[in-house]
PDB file of all heavy atoms in Angstrom:
ATOM      1  N   HIS A   1     164.046 165.609   7.509  1.00  0.00           N
ATOM      2  CA  HIS A   1     164.552 166.252   8.809  1.00  0.00           C
ATOM      3  C   HIS A   1     163.894 165.511   9.958  1.00  0.00           C
ATOM      4  O   HIS A   1     162.998 165.969  10.606  1.00  0.00           O
ATOM      5  CB  HIS A   1     164.163 167.763   8.789  1.00  0.00           C
ATOM      6  CG  HIS A   1     164.969 168.548   9.633  1.00  0.00           C
ATOM      7  ND1 HIS A   1     166.245 168.656   9.719  1.00  0.00           N
ATOM      8  CD2 HIS A   1     164.532 169.269  10.734  1.00  0.00           C
ATOM      9  CE1 HIS A   1     166.672 169.512  10.597  1.00  0.00           C
ATOM     10  NE2 HIS A   1     165.653 169.873  11.296  1.00  0.00           N
ATOM     11  N   LEU A   2     164.503 164.278  10.242  1.00  0.00           N
ATOM     12  CA  LEU A   2     163.925 163.362  11.245  1.00  0.00           C
ATOM     13  C   LEU A   2     165.011 162.712  12.029  1.00  0.00           C
ATOM     14  O   LEU A   2     166.130 162.633  11.631  1.00  0.00           O
ATOM     15  CB  LEU A   2     163.154 162.158  10.597  1.00  0.00           C
ATOM     16  CG  LEU A   2     162.044 162.473   9.650  1.00  0.00           C
ATOM     17  CD1 LEU A   2     161.536 161.145   8.898  1.00  0.00           C
ATOM     18  CD2 LEU A   2     160.799 163.116  10.334  1.00  0.00           C
ATOM     19  N   LEU A   3     164.655 162.412  13.300  1.00  0.00           N
ATOM     20  CA  LEU A   3     165.610 161.752  14.137  1.00  0.00           C
ATOM     21  C   LEU A   3     164.821 160.533  14.802  1.00  0.00           C
ATOM     22  O   LEU A   3     163.613 160.766  15.282  1.00  0.00           O
ATOM     23  CB  LEU A   3     166.139 162.627  15.228  1.00  0.00           C
ATOM     24  CG  LEU A   3     166.959 161.946  16.303  1.00  0.00           C
ATOM     25  CD1 LEU A   3     168.300 161.502  15.743  1.00  0.00           C
ATOM     26  CD2 LEU A   3     167.360 162.916  17.531  1.00  0.00           C
ATOM     27  N   PHE A   4     165.356 159.314  14.732  1.00  0.00           N
ATOM     28  CA  PHE A   4     164.764 158.217  15.415  1.00  0.00           C
ATOM     29  C   PHE A   4     165.520 157.973  16.688  1.00  0.00           C
ATOM     30  O   PHE A   4     166.810 158.123  16.830  1.00  0.00           O
ATOM     31  CB  PHE A   4     165.025 156.913  14.512  1.00  0.00           C
ATOM     32  CG  PHE A   4     164.036 156.836  13.353  1.00  0.00           C
ATOM     33  CD1 PHE A   4     164.268 157.729  12.300  1.00  0.00           C
ATOM     34  CD2 PHE A   4     162.919 156.132  13.382  1.00  0.00           C
ATOM     35  CE1 PHE A   4     163.431 157.677  11.077  1.00  0.00           C
ATOM     36  CE2 PHE A   4     161.959 156.147  12.282  1.00  0.00           C
ATOM     37  CZ  PHE A   4     162.273 156.934  11.223  1.00  0.00           C
ATOM     38  N   VAL A   5     164.766 157.732  17.850  1.00  0.00           N
ATOM     39  CA  VAL A   5     165.353 157.507  19.110  1.00  0.00           C
ATOM     40  C   VAL A   5     164.891 156.232  19.716  1.00  0.00           C
ATOM     41  O   VAL A   5     163.576 155.901  19.726  1.00  0.00           O
ATOM     42  CB  VAL A   5     164.992 158.648  20.052  1.00  0.00           C
ATOM     43  CG1 VAL A   5     165.492 158.436  21.486  1.00  0.00           C
ATOM     44  CG2 VAL A   5     165.508 160.031  19.452  1.00  0.00           C
ATOM     45  N   ILE A   6     165.839 155.364  20.071  1.00  0.00           N
ATOM     46  CA  ILE A   6     165.384 154.216  20.813  1.00  0.00           C
ATOM     47  C   ILE A   6     165.911 154.324  22.219  1.00  0.00           C
ATOM     48  O   ILE A   6     167.051 154.452  22.549  1.00  0.00           O
ATOM     49  CB  ILE A   6     166.214 152.976  20.147  1.00  0.00           C
ATOM     50  CG1 ILE A   6     165.848 152.756  18.675  1.00  0.00           C
ATOM     51  CG2 ILE A   6     165.859 151.686  20.886  1.00  0.00           C
ATOM     52  CD1 ILE A   6     166.703 151.828  17.894  1.00  0.00           C
ATOM     53  N   LEU A   7     164.939 154.145  23.123  1.00  0.00           N
ATOM     54  CA  LEU A   7     165.253 154.161  24.595  1.00  0.00           C
ATOM     55  C   LEU A   7     165.289 152.761  25.000  1.00  0.00           C
ATOM     56  O   LEU A   7     164.137 152.160  24.943  1.00  0.00           O
ATOM     57  CB  LEU A   7     164.160 155.009  25.432  1.00  0.00           C
ATOM     58  CG  LEU A   7     164.208 156.451  25.288  1.00  0.00           C
ATOM     59  CD1 LEU A   7     163.092 156.978  26.086  1.00  0.00           C
ATOM     60  CD2 LEU A   7     165.527 157.111  25.633  1.00  0.00           C
ATOM     61  N   GLY A   8     166.362 152.229  25.442  1.00  0.00           N
ATOM     62  CA  GLY A   8     166.311 150.896  25.978  1.00  0.00           C
ATOM     63  C   GLY A   8     167.708 150.292  26.014  1.00  0.00           C
ATOM     64  O   GLY A   8     168.797 150.941  25.672  1.00  0.00           O
ATOM     65  N   ASP A   9     167.830 149.022  26.421  1.00  0.00           N
ATOM     66  CA  ASP A   9     169.043 148.299  26.468  1.00  0.00           C
ATOM     67  C   ASP A   9     168.651 146.770  26.368  1.00  0.00           C
ATOM     68  O   ASP A   9     167.492 146.470  26.462  1.00  0.00           O
ATOM     69  CB  ASP A   9     169.755 148.515  27.791  1.00  0.00           C
ATOM     70  CG  ASP A   9     171.282 148.267  27.723  1.00  0.00           C
ATOM     71  OD1 ASP A   9     171.700 147.775  26.565  1.00  0.00           O
ATOM     72  OD2 ASP A   9     172.010 148.479  28.719  1.00  0.00           O
ATOM     73  N   GLY A  10     169.634 145.973  26.044  1.00  0.00           N
ATOM     74  CA  GLY A  10     169.320 144.603  25.914  1.00  0.00           C
ATOM     75  C   GLY A  10     170.487 143.951  25.127  1.00  0.00           C
ATOM     76  O   GLY A  10     171.470 144.617  24.778  1.00  0.00           O
ATOM     77  N   PRO A  11     170.263 142.634  25.051  1.00  0.00           N
ATOM     78  CA  PRO A  11     171.399 141.861  24.367  1.00  0.00           C
ATOM     79  C   PRO A  11     171.674 142.233  22.922  1.00  0.00           C
ATOM     80  O   PRO A  11     172.793 141.867  22.481  1.00  0.00           O
ATOM     81  CB  PRO A  11     170.869 140.446  24.360  1.00  0.00           C
ATOM     82  CG  PRO A  11     169.443 140.583  24.544  1.00  0.00           C
ATOM     83  CD  PRO A  11     169.110 141.845  25.256  1.00  0.00           C
ATOM     84  N   ASP A  12     170.812 142.857  22.165  1.00  0.00           N
ATOM     85  CA  ASP A  12     171.104 143.209  20.738  1.00  0.00           C
ATOM     86  C   ASP A  12     171.699 144.627  20.594  1.00  0.00           C
ATOM     87  O   ASP A  12     171.829 145.173  19.517  1.00  0.00           O
ATOM     88  CB  ASP A  12     169.843 143.113  19.913  1.00  0.00           C
ATOM     89  CG  ASP A  12     169.528 141.611  19.703  1.00  0.00           C
ATOM     90  OD1 ASP A  12     170.256 140.682  19.950  1.00  0.00           O
ATOM     91  OD2 ASP A  12     168.447 141.363  19.079  1.00  0.00           O
ATOM     92  N   ARG A  13     171.989 145.275  21.686  1.00  0.00           N
ATOM     93  CA  ARG A  13     172.556 146.737  21.627  1.00  0.00           C
ATOM     94  C   ARG A  13     173.701 146.778  20.617  1.00  0.00           C
ATOM     95  O   ARG A  13     173.727 147.655  19.764  1.00  0.00           O
ATOM     96  CB  ARG A  13     172.781 147.228  22.928  1.00  0.00           C
ATOM     97  CG  ARG A  13     173.216 148.795  22.852  1.00  0.00           C
ATOM     98  CD  ARG A  13     173.625 149.155  24.176  1.00  0.00           C
ATOM     99  NE  ARG A  13     173.778 150.578  24.222  1.00  0.00           N
ATOM    100  CZ  ARG A  13     172.857 151.551  24.560  1.00  0.00           C
ATOM    101  NH1 ARG A  13     171.798 151.199  25.115  1.00  0.00           N
ATOM    102  NH2 ARG A  13     173.225 152.817  24.387  1.00  0.00           N
ATOM    103  N   ASP A  14     174.725 146.126  20.942  1.00  0.00           N
ATOM    104  CA  ASP A  14     175.890 146.054  20.082  1.00  0.00           C
ATOM    105  C   ASP A  14     175.578 145.754  18.676  1.00  0.00           C
ATOM    106  O   ASP A  14     176.045 146.468  17.598  1.00  0.00           O
ATOM    107  CB  ASP A  14     177.050 145.287  20.595  1.00  0.00           C
ATOM    108  CG  ASP A  14     177.656 145.760  21.808  1.00  0.00           C
ATOM    109  OD1 ASP A  14     177.464 146.883  22.242  1.00  0.00           O
ATOM    110  OD2 ASP A  14     178.227 144.854  22.558  1.00  0.00           O
ATOM    111  N   HIS A  15     174.813 144.664  18.393  1.00  0.00           N
ATOM    112  CA  HIS A  15     174.399 144.437  17.060  1.00  0.00           C
ATOM    113  C   HIS A  15     173.606 145.557  16.285  1.00  0.00           C
ATOM    114  O   HIS A  15     174.076 145.781  15.111  1.00  0.00           O
ATOM    115  CB  HIS A  15     173.476 143.141  17.052  1.00  0.00           C
ATOM    116  CG  HIS A  15     172.804 142.720  15.917  1.00  0.00           C
ATOM    117  ND1 HIS A  15     173.518 142.308  14.714  1.00  0.00           N
ATOM    118  CD2 HIS A  15     171.484 142.865  15.398  1.00  0.00           C
ATOM    119  CE1 HIS A  15     172.723 142.033  13.729  1.00  0.00           C
ATOM    120  NE2 HIS A  15     171.452 142.456  14.155  1.00  0.00           N
ATOM    121  N   LEU A  16     172.779 146.125  17.010  1.00  0.00           N
ATOM    122  CA  LEU A  16     171.997 147.192  16.392  1.00  0.00           C
ATOM    123  C   LEU A  16     172.886 148.409  16.109  1.00  0.00           C
ATOM    124  O   LEU A  16     172.791 149.045  15.099  1.00  0.00           O
ATOM    125  CB  LEU A  16     170.753 147.651  17.271  1.00  0.00           C
ATOM    126  CG  LEU A  16     169.721 146.571  17.503  1.00  0.00           C
ATOM    127  CD1 LEU A  16     168.738 146.960  18.586  1.00  0.00           C
ATOM    128  CD2 LEU A  16     168.968 146.337  16.123  1.00  0.00           C
ATOM    129  N   SER A  17     173.804 148.690  17.066  1.00  0.00           N
ATOM    130  CA  SER A  17     174.718 149.719  16.868  1.00  0.00           C
ATOM    131  C   SER A  17     175.617 149.649  15.746  1.00  0.00           C
ATOM    132  O   SER A  17     175.835 150.565  14.924  1.00  0.00           O
ATOM    133  CB  SER A  17     175.638 150.040  18.158  1.00  0.00           C
ATOM    134  OG  SER A  17     174.824 150.415  19.189  1.00  0.00           O
ATOM    135  N   LYS A  18     176.028 148.419  15.470  1.00  0.00           N
ATOM    136  CA  LYS A  18     176.890 148.063  14.290  1.00  0.00           C
ATOM    137  C   LYS A  18     176.059 148.324  12.954  1.00  0.00           C
ATOM    138  O   LYS A  18     176.604 148.809  11.959  1.00  0.00           O
ATOM    139  CB  LYS A  18     177.453 146.724  14.331  1.00  0.00           C
ATOM    140  CG  LYS A  18     178.526 146.494  15.424  1.00  0.00           C
ATOM    141  CD  LYS A  18     178.977 145.064  15.563  1.00  0.00           C
ATOM    142  CE  LYS A  18     179.964 145.099  16.708  1.00  0.00           C
ATOM    143  NZ  LYS A  18     180.359 143.689  16.984  1.00  0.00           N
ATOM    144  N   ILE A  19     174.852 147.866  12.957  1.00  0.00           N
ATOM    145  CA  ILE A  19     173.975 147.992  11.761  1.00  0.00           C
ATOM    146  C   ILE A  19     173.895 149.563  11.390  1.00  0.00           C
ATOM    147  O   ILE A  19     173.994 149.979  10.293  1.00  0.00           O
ATOM    148  CB  ILE A  19     172.586 147.315  11.833  1.00  0.00           C
ATOM    149  CG1 ILE A  19     172.766 145.855  11.897  1.00  0.00           C
ATOM    150  CG2 ILE A  19     171.700 147.810  10.771  1.00  0.00           C
ATOM    151  CD1 ILE A  19     171.419 145.128  12.301  1.00  0.00           C
ATOM    152  N   ILE A  20     173.548 150.254  12.482  1.00  0.00           N
ATOM    153  CA  ILE A  20     173.479 151.831  12.401  1.00  0.00           C
ATOM    154  C   ILE A  20     174.655 152.492  11.803  1.00  0.00           C
ATOM    155  O   ILE A  20     174.531 153.310  10.832  1.00  0.00           O
ATOM    156  CB  ILE A  20     173.064 152.417  13.724  1.00  0.00           C
ATOM    157  CG1 ILE A  20     171.580 151.973  14.130  1.00  0.00           C
ATOM    158  CG2 ILE A  20     173.204 153.937  13.588  1.00  0.00           C
ATOM    159  CD1 ILE A  20     171.139 152.310  15.559  1.00  0.00           C
ATOM    160  N   GLU A  21     175.814 151.977  12.287  1.00  0.00           N
ATOM    161  CA  GLU A  21     177.138 152.597  11.756  1.00  0.00           C
ATOM    162  C   GLU A  21     177.370 152.012  10.402  1.00  0.00           C
ATOM    163  O   GLU A  21     177.751 152.831   9.438  1.00  0.00           O
ATOM    164  CB  GLU A  21     178.297 152.052  12.554  1.00  0.00           C
ATOM    165  CG  GLU A  21     178.303 152.781  13.966  1.00  0.00           C
ATOM    166  CD  GLU A  21     179.539 152.232  14.859  1.00  0.00           C
ATOM    167  OE1 GLU A  21     180.528 151.875  14.217  1.00  0.00           O
ATOM    168  OE2 GLU A  21     179.347 152.296  16.112  1.00  0.00           O
ATOM    169  N   ARG A  22     177.101 150.803  10.080  1.00  0.00           N
ATOM    170  CA  ARG A  22     177.320 150.258   8.682  1.00  0.00           C
ATOM    171  C   ARG A  22     176.409 150.929   7.663  1.00  0.00           C
ATOM    172  O   ARG A  22     176.793 151.121   6.575  1.00  0.00           O
ATOM    173  CB  ARG A  22     177.121 148.750   8.713  1.00  0.00           C
ATOM    174  CG  ARG A  22     177.513 148.115   7.521  1.00  0.00           C
ATOM    175  CD  ARG A  22     177.559 146.424   7.530  1.00  0.00           C
ATOM    176  NE  ARG A  22     176.248 145.942   8.190  1.00  0.00           N
ATOM    177  CZ  ARG A  22     176.259 145.347   9.318  1.00  0.00           C
ATOM    178  NH1 ARG A  22     177.352 145.075  10.062  1.00  0.00           N
ATOM    179  NH2 ARG A  22     175.127 144.832   9.841  1.00  0.00           N
ATOM    180  N   GLN A  23     175.238 151.296   8.078  1.00  0.00           N
ATOM    181  CA  GLN A  23     174.293 151.909   7.108  1.00  0.00           C
ATOM    182  C   GLN A  23     174.449 153.491   7.213  1.00  0.00           C
ATOM    183  O   GLN A  23     173.672 154.176   6.498  1.00  0.00           O
ATOM    184  CB  GLN A  23     172.829 151.711   7.606  1.00  0.00           C
ATOM    185  CG  GLN A  23     172.466 150.223   7.505  1.00  0.00           C
ATOM    186  CD  GLN A  23     172.225 149.733   6.192  1.00  0.00           C
ATOM    187  OE1 GLN A  23     172.221 150.509   5.083  1.00  0.00           O
ATOM    188  NE2 GLN A  23     171.919 148.565   6.037  1.00  0.00           N
ATOM    189  N   GLN A  24     175.449 153.990   7.863  1.00  0.00           N
ATOM    190  CA  GLN A  24     175.740 155.355   7.914  1.00  0.00           C
ATOM    191  C   GLN A  24     174.592 156.095   8.494  1.00  0.00           C
ATOM    192  O   GLN A  24     174.202 157.221   7.812  1.00  0.00           O
ATOM    193  CB  GLN A  24     176.333 155.843   6.689  1.00  0.00           C
ATOM    194  CG  GLN A  24     177.631 155.152   6.238  1.00  0.00           C
ATOM    195  CD  GLN A  24     178.158 155.764   4.993  1.00  0.00           C
ATOM    196  OE1 GLN A  24     177.458 156.398   4.159  1.00  0.00           O
ATOM    197  NE2 GLN A  24     179.367 155.291   4.728  1.00  0.00           N
ATOM    198  N   LEU A  25     173.891 155.700   9.517  1.00  0.00           N
ATOM    199  CA  LEU A  25     172.735 156.375  10.050  1.00  0.00           C
ATOM    200  C   LEU A  25     172.986 156.991  11.435  1.00  0.00           C
ATOM    201  O   LEU A  25     172.040 157.241  12.159  1.00  0.00           O
ATOM    202  CB  LEU A  25     171.656 155.319  10.191  1.00  0.00           C
ATOM    203  CG  LEU A  25     170.996 154.868   8.707  1.00  0.00           C
ATOM    204  CD1 LEU A  25     170.093 153.649   8.801  1.00  0.00           C
ATOM    205  CD2 LEU A  25     170.276 156.000   8.128  1.00  0.00           C
ATOM    206  N   THR A  26     174.211 157.065  11.777  1.00  0.00           N
ATOM    207  CA  THR A  26     174.519 157.621  13.177  1.00  0.00           C
ATOM    208  C   THR A  26     173.934 158.950  13.395  1.00  0.00           C
ATOM    209  O   THR A  26     173.691 159.417  14.634  1.00  0.00           O
ATOM    210  CB  THR A  26     176.044 157.583  13.494  1.00  0.00           C
ATOM    211  OG1 THR A  26     176.758 158.215  12.558  1.00  0.00           O
ATOM    212  CG2 THR A  26     176.502 156.107  13.613  1.00  0.00           C
ATOM    213  N   ASN A  27     173.710 159.820  12.400  1.00  0.00           N
ATOM    214  CA  ASN A  27     173.052 161.004  12.510  1.00  0.00           C
ATOM    215  C   ASN A  27     171.606 161.048  12.389  1.00  0.00           C
ATOM    216  O   ASN A  27     170.946 162.055  12.630  1.00  0.00           O
ATOM    217  CB  ASN A  27     173.669 162.048  11.450  1.00  0.00           C
ATOM    218  CG  ASN A  27     175.088 162.351  11.617  1.00  0.00           C
ATOM    219  OD1 ASN A  27     175.663 162.380  12.669  1.00  0.00           O
ATOM    220  ND2 ASN A  27     175.735 162.595  10.444  1.00  0.00           N
TER     221      ASN A  27
END
């Protein structure tokens, strides 16, 4: 029962978002 939060922005945002979606970790 955990949530990871990343506060920030930068050039890898889209890349990281895609990894999160691909790994089914959006929740």
